[in-house]
Amino acid sequence: MATPHQWTFFSNHGHVLICLSKNADQPLREVALAVGITERAVQRIVSDLEEAGYLTRERNGRRNIYTLKTDKELRHPLEKEHRIGEILAVLDVD
């Protein structure tokens, strides 16, 4: 988890997307540990991402499988001409 004087280039939403792109069926508990936030915060972020159309969630037994919509454009006006898949490709996690 970041200390008050540290910052990162990606938001927690971005970190969750990166984690799910690496392993689409990992438990959100594992995502929370990797990102350094609570499982409840990850659940809210996944709901945000699903509602905005950045991912879909499909139940498989007792697990969810997440599918990222890599052709979806970024939200901020400065980046809106770029797609999620471009970011993941640069980070080599697509």
Protein backbone atom coordinates (compact mmCIF):
# COMPACT_ATOMS: atom_id res chain seq x y z
CA MET A 1 0.00 0.00 0.00
CA ALA A 2 1.28 3.48 -0.84
CA THR A 3 2.43 5.84 1.90
CA PRO A 4 1.18 9.45 1.90
CA HIS A 5 4.24 10.68 -0.05
CA GLN A 6 4.10 8.04 -2.75
CA TRP A 7 1.91 8.07 -5.84
CA THR A 8 1.46 5.98 -8.94
CA PHE A 9 0.56 6.71 -12.55
CA PHE A 10 -2.50 4.47 -12.51
CA SER A 11 -5.64 4.72 -10.41
CA ASN A 12 -7.03 1.80 -8.45
CA HIS A 13 -9.46 1.26 -11.32
CA GLY A 14 -6.49 0.84 -13.64
CA HIS A 15 -4.75 -1.49 -11.22
CA VAL A 16 -7.84 -3.69 -10.96
CA LEU A 17 -8.09 -3.85 -14.76
CA ILE A 18 -4.44 -4.87 -14.98
CA CYS A 19 -4.92 -7.63 -12.40
CA LEU A 20 -8.00 -9.00 -14.12
CA SER A 21 -6.29 -8.91 -17.51
CA LYS A 22 -3.53 -11.13 -16.10
CA ASN A 23 -5.95 -13.63 -14.55
CA ALA A 24 -9.62 -13.30 -15.49
CA ASP A 25 -10.92 -15.71 -12.86
CA GLN A 26 -8.88 -14.78 -9.81
CA PRO A 27 -10.85 -14.07 -6.64
CA LEU A 28 -11.34 -10.40 -5.86
CA ARG A 29 -9.64 -11.04 -2.53
CA GLU A 30 -6.41 -11.69 -4.48
CA VAL A 31 -6.93 -8.56 -6.57
CA ALA A 32 -7.36 -6.55 -3.37
CA LEU A 33 -4.10 -7.88 -1.96
CA ALA A 34 -2.22 -7.13 -5.18
CA VAL A 35 -3.59 -3.58 -5.47
CA GLY A 36 -3.33 -2.83 -1.75
CA ILE A 37 -6.97 -1.95 -1.13
CA THR A 38 -9.89 -3.68 0.55
CA GLU A 39 -11.89 -6.42 -1.11
CA ARG A 40 -14.98 -4.22 -0.78
CA ALA A 41 -13.22 -1.42 -2.68
CA VAL A 42 -12.35 -3.89 -5.45
CA GLN A 43 -16.00 -4.98 -5.60
CA ARG A 44 -17.08 -1.35 -6.05
CA ILE A 45 -14.44 -0.81 -8.75
CA VAL A 46 -15.51 -3.96 -10.61
CA SER A 47 -19.12 -2.74 -10.45
CA ASP A 48 -18.03 0.68 -11.79
CA LEU A 49 -16.09 -0.96 -14.63
CA GLU A 50 -18.96 -3.31 -15.47
CA GLU A 51 -21.53 -0.50 -15.43
CA ALA A 52 -19.32 1.63 -17.72
CA GLY A 53 -18.89 -1.28 -20.15
CA TYR A 54 -15.19 -1.95 -19.54
CA LEU A 55 -15.74 -5.55 -18.49
CA THR A 56 -18.36 -8.24 -18.20
CA ARG A 57 -18.77 -10.75 -15.43
CA GLU A 58 -19.85 -14.35 -15.99
CA ARG A 59 -20.50 -16.88 -13.27
CA ASN A 60 -18.64 -20.21 -13.59
CA GLY A 61 -19.49 -22.45 -10.67
CA ARG A 62 -18.48 -20.56 -7.56
CA ARG A 63 -16.22 -18.13 -9.40
CA ASN A 64 -16.67 -15.15 -11.66
CA ILE A 65 -14.82 -14.86 -14.93
CA TYR A 66 -14.15 -11.32 -16.09
CA THR A 67 -13.86 -10.37 -19.74
CA LEU A 68 -12.26 -7.02 -20.47
CA LYS A 69 -13.57 -4.94 -23.36
CA THR A 70 -10.17 -3.96 -24.72
CA ASP A 71 -11.65 -1.91 -27.55
CA LYS A 72 -13.33 0.48 -25.09
CA GLU A 73 -11.85 3.98 -25.13
CA LEU A 74 -10.39 5.66 -22.07
CA ARG A 75 -12.67 8.09 -20.27
CA HIS A 76 -10.66 11.27 -19.78
CA PRO A 77 -10.74 13.79 -22.67
CA LEU A 78 -6.92 13.79 -22.85
CA GLU A 79 -6.86 10.03 -23.51
CA LYS A 80 -10.22 9.36 -25.15
CA GLU A 81 -8.65 8.48 -28.51
CA HIS A 82 -6.87 5.52 -26.90
CA ARG A 83 -8.25 2.10 -25.97
CA ILE A 84 -7.83 -0.06 -22.88
CA GLY A 85 -6.13 -2.71 -25.00
CA GLU A 86 -3.38 -0.25 -25.95
CA ILE A 87 -2.50 0.33 -22.30
CA LEU A 88 -2.51 -3.40 -21.54
CA ALA A 89 -0.34 -4.09 -24.60
CA VAL A 90 2.25 -1.54 -23.50
CA LEU A 91 2.32 -3.15 -20.06
CA ASP A 92 2.55 -6.58 -21.74
CA VAL A 93 -0.50 -7.92 -19.90
CA ASP A 94 -3.02 -8.22 -22.77
